[in-house]
Protein backbone atom coordinates (compact mmCIF):
# COMPACT_ATOMS: atom_id res chain seq x y z
CA MET A 1 -59.47 -45.89 -69.76
CA GLN A 2 -59.54 -45.13 -65.82
CA LYS A 3 -62.48 -46.08 -64.08
CA TRP A 4 -63.96 -44.00 -61.34
CA ARG A 5 -66.54 -45.27 -58.67
CA PRO A 6 -69.63 -42.91 -58.04
CA TRP A 7 -69.74 -41.43 -54.68
CA GLU A 8 -73.16 -41.61 -54.13
CA THR A 9 -72.58 -45.95 -54.31
CA ALA A 10 -70.40 -45.54 -51.00
CA ASN A 11 -71.32 -46.51 -47.34
CA GLU A 12 -70.51 -44.27 -44.34
CA VAL A 13 -67.34 -47.03 -43.38
CA GLU A 14 -65.90 -46.82 -46.70
CA TRP A 15 -66.17 -42.91 -47.38
CA GLY A 16 -64.52 -42.23 -44.14
CA LEU A 17 -62.03 -44.96 -45.39
CA ALA A 18 -61.60 -42.76 -48.27
CA VAL A 19 -61.44 -39.43 -46.26
CA GLU A 20 -58.49 -40.92 -43.80
CA ARG A 21 -57.01 -42.30 -47.31
CA GLU A 22 -56.91 -38.71 -48.87
CA SER A 23 -55.54 -37.32 -45.69
CA VAL A 24 -52.00 -38.97 -46.11
CA ILE A 25 -51.97 -39.60 -49.97
CA ARG A 26 -53.15 -35.91 -50.95
CA PRO A 27 -49.36 -34.89 -49.32
CA LEU A 28 -47.83 -37.45 -51.71
CA ALA A 29 -49.52 -36.67 -55.02
CA GLU A 30 -48.15 -33.13 -54.37
CA GLU A 31 -44.83 -34.20 -54.27
CA GLU A 32 -42.72 -34.42 -57.77
CA ARG A 33 -40.21 -37.53 -55.85
CA LEU A 34 -41.62 -39.94 -52.92
CA THR A 35 -38.83 -40.39 -50.78
CA ASN A 36 -38.33 -43.93 -49.05
CA GLY A 37 -39.18 -43.12 -45.63
CA ARG A 38 -42.51 -41.54 -46.86
CA LEU A 39 -43.42 -44.33 -48.26
CA GLN A 40 -42.81 -46.72 -45.31
CA GLU A 41 -45.12 -44.01 -42.95
CA ALA A 42 -47.76 -44.13 -45.66
CA MET A 43 -47.80 -47.96 -45.94
CA LEU A 44 -48.35 -48.03 -41.79
CA ARG A 45 -50.35 -45.57 -41.33
CA LEU A 46 -52.97 -47.02 -44.26
CA GLY A 47 -51.69 -50.77 -43.81
CA LEU A 48 -51.17 -51.16 -48.29
CA SER A 49 -48.69 -52.72 -49.84
CA ARG A 50 -45.99 -50.22 -51.59
CA SER A 51 -47.58 -51.09 -54.90
CA VAL A 52 -51.27 -50.13 -54.03
CA LEU A 53 -49.91 -47.65 -52.48
CA TYR A 54 -48.31 -45.92 -55.50
CA LYS A 55 -51.59 -46.78 -57.49
CA LEU A 56 -53.50 -44.42 -55.19
CA VAL A 57 -51.25 -41.74 -55.12
CA GLN A 58 -51.44 -42.11 -59.07
CA ARG A 59 -55.31 -42.19 -59.28
CA TYR A 60 -55.15 -38.93 -56.94
CA ARG A 61 -53.01 -37.48 -59.40
CA ASP A 62 -55.40 -38.29 -61.97
CA ARG A 63 -58.46 -36.79 -60.10
CA PRO A 64 -57.88 -35.48 -56.51
CA GLN A 65 -61.25 -36.30 -55.33
CA THR A 66 -62.02 -37.89 -52.02
CA SER A 67 -64.00 -40.37 -54.55
CA SER A 68 -60.87 -41.27 -56.47
CA LEU A 69 -59.68 -43.16 -53.06
CA LEU A 70 -62.65 -45.37 -52.36
CA PRO A 71 -62.55 -48.83 -52.42
CA TRP A 72 -63.71 -50.95 -55.46
CA LYS A 73 -66.56 -53.49 -54.46
CA ARG A 74 -65.67 -57.25 -55.30
CA GLY A 75 -68.09 -58.05 -58.40
CA ARG A 76 -67.96 -59.22 -61.93
CA ASP A 77 -68.48 -55.61 -63.17
CA LEU A 78 -66.51 -53.68 -60.33
CA THR A 79 -62.88 -55.91 -60.83
CA ALA A 80 -60.93 -54.25 -63.06
CA GLY A 81 -58.50 -52.12 -62.02
CA MET A 82 -58.43 -53.37 -58.28
CA GLU A 83 -55.42 -54.58 -56.64
CA GLU A 84 -55.38 -58.33 -55.13
CA SER A 85 -53.45 -57.28 -52.53
CA GLU A 86 -55.84 -53.94 -51.65
CA SER A 87 -58.90 -56.44 -50.72
CA ILE A 88 -57.25 -58.47 -48.45
CA PRO A 89 -56.76 -57.20 -44.64
CA ILE A 90 -53.14 -56.99 -44.04
CA LYS A 91 -51.48 -55.69 -41.06
CA LYS A 92 -49.83 -52.66 -41.76
CA GLU A 93 -46.75 -53.07 -39.59
CA ILE A 94 -45.88 -56.90 -41.34
CA LEU A 95 -45.76 -54.99 -44.39
CA VAL A 96 -42.98 -52.53 -43.13
CA VAL A 97 -40.95 -54.92 -41.93
CA GLU A 98 -40.96 -56.84 -44.93
CA ASP A 99 -39.89 -53.65 -46.79
CA ALA A 100 -37.41 -52.97 -44.25
CA TYR A 101 -35.85 -56.37 -44.83
CA ARG A 102 -36.01 -55.77 -48.91
CA ASN A 103 -34.23 -52.88 -48.08
CA ALA A 104 -31.52 -53.68 -45.91
CA LEU A 105 -30.28 -55.99 -48.60
CA VAL A 106 -29.35 -53.28 -50.92
CA GLY A 107 -27.93 -50.73 -47.83
CA VAL A 108 -30.82 -48.92 -46.88
CA GLY A 109 -31.74 -48.34 -43.35
CA PRO A 110 -34.86 -49.46 -41.88
CA ASN A 111 -37.84 -46.18 -41.05
CA PRO A 112 -37.34 -45.04 -37.54
CA VAL A 113 -40.76 -45.77 -36.56
CA LEU A 114 -39.34 -49.62 -36.87
CA LEU A 115 -36.68 -49.69 -34.04
CA GLY A 116 -35.78 -46.03 -33.45
CA LYS A 117 -32.32 -45.24 -34.72
CA THR A 118 -30.63 -48.40 -36.62
CA THR A 119 -28.55 -49.02 -39.76
CA ASP A 120 -29.18 -51.44 -42.35
CA ARG A 121 -26.38 -54.02 -41.43
CA ALA A 122 -27.60 -54.35 -38.03
CA PHE A 123 -31.36 -54.96 -39.12
CA ARG A 124 -30.05 -57.35 -41.13
CA GLN A 125 -27.73 -58.79 -38.83
CA PHE A 126 -30.62 -59.34 -36.54
CA VAL A 127 -33.43 -61.05 -39.20
CA GLU A 128 -30.47 -63.08 -40.51
CA ASP A 129 -29.15 -64.84 -37.19
CA MET A 130 -32.73 -65.11 -36.31
CA LEU A 131 -33.95 -67.25 -39.18
CA GLN A 132 -30.99 -69.66 -38.96
CA LEU A 133 -31.21 -70.02 -35.07
CA LEU A 134 -34.76 -70.55 -35.80
CA SER A 135 -34.28 -73.14 -38.49
CA ARG A 136 -31.16 -75.14 -36.27
CA ARG A 137 -33.28 -75.42 -32.85
CA LEU A 138 -37.40 -75.73 -34.16
CA ASN A 139 -36.36 -78.80 -37.20
CA PRO A 140 -33.52 -80.11 -35.81
CA ASN A 141 -33.33 -83.52 -37.39
CA TRP A 142 -36.02 -82.61 -40.59
CA ARG A 143 -34.44 -85.18 -42.43
CA LYS A 144 -35.43 -88.46 -40.43
CA GLY A 145 -39.10 -87.12 -40.61
CA PRO A 146 -41.91 -84.19 -41.67
CA ALA A 147 -41.15 -81.29 -39.96
CA GLN A 148 -43.11 -79.23 -37.27
CA PHE A 149 -42.06 -76.18 -38.27
CA CYS A 150 -41.80 -73.83 -41.68
CA ARG A 151 -39.90 -71.08 -43.23
CA GLN A 152 -43.22 -69.07 -42.40
CA ASP A 153 -43.36 -69.62 -38.66
CA PHE A 154 -40.22 -68.54 -38.75
CA VAL A 155 -40.42 -65.54 -39.74
CA HIS A 156 -43.79 -64.76 -38.51
CA ILE A 157 -41.64 -65.28 -34.82
CA VAL A 158 -38.93 -62.62 -36.15
CA ILE A 159 -41.55 -59.83 -37.16
CA VAL A 160 -42.99 -60.81 -33.84
CA LEU A 161 -39.55 -59.72 -31.74
CA ILE A 162 -39.41 -56.37 -33.79
CA LEU A 163 -42.55 -55.36 -33.49
CA ASN A 164 -42.87 -56.03 -29.43
CA ALA A 165 -39.49 -53.79 -29.77
CA ALA A 166 -41.21 -50.99 -31.43
CA PRO A 167 -41.45 -47.54 -30.23
CA CYS A 168 -43.75 -46.05 -28.59
CA SER A 169 -44.54 -43.00 -26.36
CA ASP A 170 -47.62 -44.55 -25.24
CA ARG A 171 -46.28 -45.83 -21.48
CA THR A 172 -49.25 -48.04 -20.57
CA VAL A 173 -48.49 -49.85 -24.47
CA ARG A 174 -44.70 -49.59 -23.67
CA ARG A 175 -45.17 -51.85 -20.79
CA LYS A 176 -47.42 -54.09 -22.21
CA ARG A 177 -44.65 -54.48 -24.64
CA TYR A 178 -42.24 -55.04 -21.85
CA ARG A 179 -44.26 -57.74 -20.00
CA SER A 180 -44.95 -59.67 -23.40
CA GLY A 181 -41.16 -59.11 -24.60
CA LEU A 182 -39.77 -61.00 -21.62
CA VAL A 183 -42.45 -64.07 -22.27
CA LEU A 184 -41.32 -63.99 -26.00
CA TRP A 185 -37.68 -63.99 -25.25
CA THR A 186 -37.10 -66.14 -22.65
CA THR A 187 -39.06 -68.91 -24.85
CA LEU A 188 -36.71 -68.46 -27.14
CA LEU A 189 -33.94 -68.12 -24.43
CA SER A 190 -35.44 -72.05 -23.46
CA ILE A 191 -34.53 -73.29 -27.26
CA ILE A 192 -30.87 -72.28 -27.25
CA PRO A 193 -28.46 -74.54 -26.10
CA GLN A 194 -25.66 -73.73 -23.72
CA TYR A 195 -22.69 -74.64 -26.43
CA GLU A 196 -24.88 -71.75 -28.34
CA ALA A 197 -24.94 -69.48 -25.56
CA SER A 198 -21.29 -67.13 -26.56
CA ASP A 199 -22.33 -67.03 -29.93
CA ILE A 200 -25.44 -65.97 -29.50
CA GLU A 201 -24.52 -63.33 -27.20
CA CYS A 202 -21.45 -62.42 -29.75
CA ALA A 203 -24.05 -61.75 -32.45
CA SER A 204 -26.64 -60.15 -30.41
CA LEU A 205 -24.20 -56.90 -30.19
CA ARG A 206 -24.82 -56.34 -33.81
CA TRP A 207 -28.04 -56.16 -33.26
CA PRO A 208 -30.41 -53.07 -33.25
CA LEU A 209 -30.44 -51.62 -29.78
CA ALA A 210 -33.72 -52.00 -29.34
CA LEU A 211 -33.73 -55.89 -30.05
CA ARG A 212 -30.49 -56.13 -28.43
CA ARG A 213 -32.18 -54.82 -25.18
CA ARG A 214 -35.30 -57.28 -25.54
CA PHE A 215 -32.50 -59.71 -25.24
CA PHE A 216 -30.68 -58.99 -22.21
CA THR A 217 -33.10 -58.07 -20.15
CA ALA A 218 -35.17 -61.80 -20.78
CA LEU A 219 -31.64 -63.03 -20.24
CA TYR A 220 -30.74 -61.37 -17.30
CA GLN A 221 -34.74 -62.45 -16.01
CA ARG A 222 -34.24 -66.24 -16.91
CA ARG A 223 -30.31 -66.39 -14.71
CA ARG A 224 -31.95 -64.72 -12.29
CA GLU A 225 -34.87 -67.48 -12.17
CA ARG A 226 -33.22 -70.79 -12.64
CA TRP A 227 -29.86 -69.80 -10.61
CA PRO A 228 -27.71 -71.84 -10.25
CA PHE A 229 -28.65 -73.51 -13.36
CA SER A 230 -27.69 -72.09 -16.81
CA PRO A 231 -30.29 -69.79 -18.76
CA PHE A 232 -29.88 -71.85 -21.81
CA SER A 233 -30.81 -75.30 -21.90
CA THR A 234 -28.79 -78.05 -20.71
CA SER A 235 -27.99 -81.16 -22.53
CA ASN A 236 -31.01 -83.15 -20.48
CA GLU A 237 -33.33 -80.14 -21.82
CA LEU A 238 -32.27 -80.53 -25.55
CA GLN A 239 -33.54 -84.70 -25.37
CA LYS A 240 -36.65 -83.48 -25.13
CA PRO A 241 -38.49 -82.50 -28.51
CA ILE A 242 -39.45 -79.05 -28.79
CA GLU A 243 -43.89 -78.98 -28.53
CA ARG A 244 -44.69 -77.27 -31.45
CA MET A 245 -47.88 -75.63 -29.04
CA LYS A 246 -45.74 -74.23 -26.77
CA ILE A 247 -44.01 -71.66 -29.23
CA ALA A 248 -47.74 -71.65 -31.30
CA SER A 249 -49.33 -70.56 -28.28
CA VAL A 250 -46.43 -67.70 -27.08
CA TYR A 251 -45.88 -66.48 -30.72
CA ASP A 252 -49.36 -67.29 -32.15
CA LEU A 253 -48.14 -69.23 -35.28
CA SER A 254 -52.42 -70.40 -36.84
CA VAL A 255 -51.07 -66.45 -38.54
CA ARG A 256 -49.58 -67.25 -41.43
CA MET A 257 -46.88 -64.02 -42.67
CA PRO A 258 -45.58 -63.47 -45.54
CA VAL A 259 -41.78 -65.11 -46.18
CA PHE A 260 -39.01 -62.62 -46.81
CA GLN A 261 -37.95 -62.76 -50.24
CA ARG A 262 -34.07 -61.93 -51.81
CA SER A 263 -35.69 -59.30 -54.15
């Protein structure tokens, strides 16, 4: 039997959350079939995982009232029926990137809100190229001792790069992302050896256009700054161990993100 939280128990913040949810979930509840694009857009706006979104849609269909979308409070008597992920603050953009990768594995392209118009193959190519590159370069001698970076770190970096290239109508935000993108990508270029330069440049031609632009803009910037030397790492630079703090400070690796799963 479905339990409902009385509206009288909600404070102003919780009621505001329910109202925001209703504005997004009501149109979904009225549809017979939910498309992938509509689901991703709703997940992005509300910051919810797919499973929690489905649960809220069904809850609203069963009882189409604002109070049906109130968050359950933690407690011995109120935890029943509450999704674990609903109670944990999750960055909404991370969920969208994760979902886009899972969809790409089965041939579905990402929502244009993420990277503009692109294909599932291009999106998947970028993610897998980056994961392989980061694994090779950040933990080159993992067999000789404990690794400085873990797979979650690699995923974190990939997600940051993707979100930095996301389209935005706000000119101020676009400029800020452009400047931060230069820092993100030039830092990444600093760990790529010269002998991998042609491979990564060729691979980038198969990436989504927004990410390809970020890569080549940073490459041009670093080439100007290091002229007449290579924008990639030289053999002498590669002999120095990569400092985790340098990468962590740029990509904020103190924050842990979910690991891409092939499901």
